[in-house]
C-alpha atoms as a PDB file:
ATOM      1  CA  MET A   1      38.390   1.859  -0.252  1.00  0.00           C
ATOM      2  CA  GLY A   2      35.253  -0.300  -1.694  1.00  0.00           C
ATOM      3  CA  THR A   3      33.034   0.997  -4.783  1.00  0.00           C
ATOM      4  CA  GLN A   4      29.524   1.897  -4.087  1.00  0.00           C
ATOM      5  CA  ARG A   5      26.739  -0.406  -5.278  1.00  0.00           C
ATOM      6  CA  LYS A   6      24.135   1.801  -7.332  1.00  0.00           C
ATOM      7  CA  ARG A   7      20.708   2.437  -6.095  1.00  0.00           C
ATOM      8  CA  TYR A   8      17.945   2.122  -8.678  1.00  0.00           C
ATOM      9  CA  SER A   9      14.036   4.182  -7.643  1.00  0.00           C
ATOM     10  CA  ALA A  10      11.177   2.009  -7.979  1.00  0.00           C
ATOM     11  CA  GLU A  11      10.077   4.365 -10.698  1.00  0.00           C
ATOM     12  CA  LEU A  12      13.015   2.446 -13.104  1.00  0.00           C
ATOM     13  CA  LYS A  13      12.753  -0.494 -11.897  1.00  0.00           C
ATOM     14  CA  ALA A  14       8.797  -0.490 -12.638  1.00  0.00           C
ATOM     15  CA  ARG A  15       9.150   1.188 -15.934  1.00  0.00           C
ATOM     16  CA  VAL A  16      12.160  -1.500 -16.699  1.00  0.00           C
ATOM     17  CA  ALA A  17       9.957  -4.426 -15.599  1.00  0.00           C
ATOM     18  CA  LEU A  18       7.245  -3.334 -18.003  1.00  0.00           C
ATOM     19  CA  GLU A  19       9.088  -2.969 -20.862  1.00  0.00           C
ATOM     20  CA  ALA A  20      10.418  -6.560 -20.322  1.00  0.00           C
ATOM     21  CA  ILE A  21       6.868  -8.064 -19.659  1.00  0.00           C
ATOM     22  CA  LYS A  22       5.677  -6.336 -22.864  1.00  0.00           C
ATOM     23  CA  GLU A  23       8.442  -8.313 -24.855  1.00  0.00           C
ATOM     24  CA  GLN A  24       9.059  -5.827 -27.180  1.00  0.00           C
ATOM     25  CA  LYS A  25      12.821  -5.858 -27.168  1.00  0.00           C
ATOM     26  CA  THR A  26      14.807  -7.902 -26.133  1.00  0.00           C
ATOM     27  CA  VAL A  27      16.507  -7.735 -22.433  1.00  0.00           C
ATOM     28  CA  ASN A  28      19.708  -6.663 -23.527  1.00  0.00           C
ATOM     29  CA  GLU A  29      17.800  -3.908 -25.734  1.00  0.00           C
ATOM     30  CA  ILE A  30      15.940  -2.681 -22.274  1.00  0.00           C
ATOM     31  CA  ALA A  31      19.184  -2.972 -20.242  1.00  0.00           C
ATOM     32  CA  GLY A  32      21.101  -1.165 -22.838  1.00  0.00           C
ATOM     33  CA  GLN A  33      18.539   1.291 -22.985  1.00  0.00           C
ATOM     34  CA  TYR A  34      18.380   2.540 -19.198  1.00  0.00           C
ATOM     35  CA  GLY A  35      22.008   1.616 -18.368  1.00  0.00           C
ATOM     36  CA  VAL A  36      20.972  -1.764 -16.158  1.00  0.00           C
ATOM     37  CA  HIS A  37      22.425  -4.752 -15.910  1.00  0.00           C
ATOM     38  CA  PRO A  38      20.713  -7.253 -17.862  1.00  0.00           C
ATOM     39  CA  ASN A  39      20.327  -9.822 -15.199  1.00  0.00           C
ATOM     40  CA  LEU A  40      18.827  -7.097 -13.212  1.00  0.00           C
ATOM     41  CA  VAL A  41      16.051  -6.877 -16.029  1.00  0.00           C
ATOM     42  CA  GLY A  42      14.845 -10.264 -15.042  1.00  0.00           C
ATOM     43  CA  LYS A  43      15.188 -10.227 -11.640  1.00  0.00           C
ATOM     44  CA  TRP A  44      12.692  -6.649 -11.426  1.00  0.00           C
ATOM     45  CA  LYS A  45      10.492  -8.499 -14.466  1.00  0.00           C
ATOM     46  CA  LYS A  46       9.658 -11.582 -12.055  1.00  0.00           C
ATOM     47  CA  GLN A  47       9.373  -9.361  -8.758  1.00  0.00           C
ATOM     48  CA  LEU A  48       6.665  -7.421 -10.987  1.00  0.00           C
ATOM     49  CA  LYS A  49       4.788 -11.061 -12.193  1.00  0.00           C
ATOM     50  CA  GLU A  50       4.917 -12.290  -8.591  1.00  0.00           C
ATOM     51  CA  GLN A  51       4.044  -9.076  -6.455  1.00  0.00           C
ATOM     52  CA  SER A  52       1.287  -7.320  -9.112  1.00  0.00           C
ATOM     53  CA  SER A  53      -1.571  -9.489  -7.328  1.00  0.00           C
ATOM     54  CA  ARG A  54      -0.759  -7.342  -4.317  1.00  0.00           C
ATOM     55  CA  ILE A  55      -1.581  -4.090  -5.801  1.00  0.00           C
ATOM     56  CA  PHE A  56      -5.139  -5.071  -6.253  1.00  0.00           C
ATOM     57  CA  THR A  57      -5.138  -6.681  -2.487  1.00  0.00           C
ATOM     58  CA  GLU A  58      -3.202  -4.485  -0.250  1.00  0.00           C
ATOM     59  CA  PRO A  59      -5.363  -1.339  -0.507  1.00  0.00           C
ATOM     60  CA  ASN A  60      -8.290  -2.879   0.475  1.00  0.00           C
ATOM     61  CA  ARG A  61      -6.768  -3.901   3.653  1.00  0.00           C
ATOM     62  CA  ASP A  62      -5.590  -0.226   4.597  1.00  0.00           C
ATOM     63  CA  ARG A  63      -8.974   0.640   3.882  1.00  0.00           C
ATOM     64  CA  ASP A  64     -10.736  -2.161   6.082  1.00  0.00           C
ATOM     65  CA  ALA A  65      -8.446  -1.710   9.135  1.00  0.00           C
ATOM     66  CA  VAL A  66      -8.806   2.745   8.501  1.00  0.00           C
ATOM     67  CA  GLU A  67     -13.371   1.537   8.154  1.00  0.00           C
ATOM     68  CA  GLU A  68     -12.457  -0.562  11.802  1.00  0.00           C
ATOM     69  CA  THR A  69     -10.953   2.056  13.571  1.00  0.00           C
ATOM     70  CA  LEU A  70     -13.554   4.729  12.461  1.00  0.00           C
ATOM     71  CA  LYS A  71     -16.368   2.348  13.525  1.00  0.00           C
ATOM     72  CA  ALA A  72     -14.920   1.839  16.824  1.00  0.00           C
ATOM     73  CA  SER A  73     -14.683   5.562  17.566  1.00  0.00           C
ATOM     74  CA  LEU A  74     -18.045   6.269  16.553  1.00  0.00           C
ATOM     75  CA  TYR A  75     -19.209   3.593  18.676  1.00  0.00           C
ATOM     76  CA  GLN A  76     -17.112   4.651  21.590  1.00  0.00           C
ATOM     77  CA  GLN A  77     -18.647   8.087  21.204  1.00  0.00           C
ATOM     78  CA  ILE A  78     -22.057   6.550  20.955  1.00  0.00           C
ATOM     79  CA  GLY A  79     -21.289   5.331  24.273  1.00  0.00           C
ATOM     80  CA  GLN A  80     -20.723   8.124  25.921  1.00  0.00           C
ATOM     81  CA  LEU A  81     -23.083  10.430  24.605  1.00  0.00           C
ATOM     82  CA  LYS A  82     -25.632   7.600  26.062  1.00  0.00           C
ATOM     83  CA  VAL A  83     -23.927   7.720  29.548  1.00  0.00           C
ATOM     84  CA  GLU A  84     -23.958  11.612  29.367  1.00  0.00           C
ATOM     85  CA  LEU A  85     -27.615  11.730  28.400  1.00  0.00           C
ATOM     86  CA  ASP A  86     -28.599   8.912  30.840  1.00  0.00           C
ATOM     87  CA  TRP A  87     -26.804  11.065  33.652  1.00  0.00           C
ATOM     88  CA  LEU A  88     -28.384  14.625  32.411  1.00  0.00           C
ATOM     89  CA  LYS A  89     -31.766  12.709  33.050  1.00  0.00           C
ATOM     90  CA  LYS A  90     -31.022  11.519  36.134  1.00  0.00           C
ATOM     91  CA  LYS A  91     -30.336  14.542  37.509  1.00  0.00           C
ATOM     92  CA  SER A  92     -33.060  16.420  35.562  1.00  0.00           C
ATOM     93  CA  GLY A  93     -35.596  14.193  36.760  1.00  0.00           C
ATOM     94  CA  LEU A  94     -36.700  13.205  33.166  1.00  0.00           C
ATOM     95  CA  GLY A  95     -35.300   9.599  34.019  1.00  0.00           C
ATOM     96  CA  GLU A  96     -38.167   8.462  36.588  1.00  0.00           C
END
């Protein structure tokens, strides 16, 4: 039976990567402090540096998508209400 790999939480990875970016301790000191392999510290640091710009760009895309969905829904409601109003005007004789 093989050994199971350790799985580290995203919070731990972020904490370790931030610690490594600060460069106040060596990679080996950080690895010993958190109980991870030094190679993982370097890998997580690199990932954080490469993907940090997404933090500021992705939420805008999500917000834009929500706004577009809301706009589409509101335009649909406006159109439906306009059709109903026209129908009521026609039935009541006011639209002539």
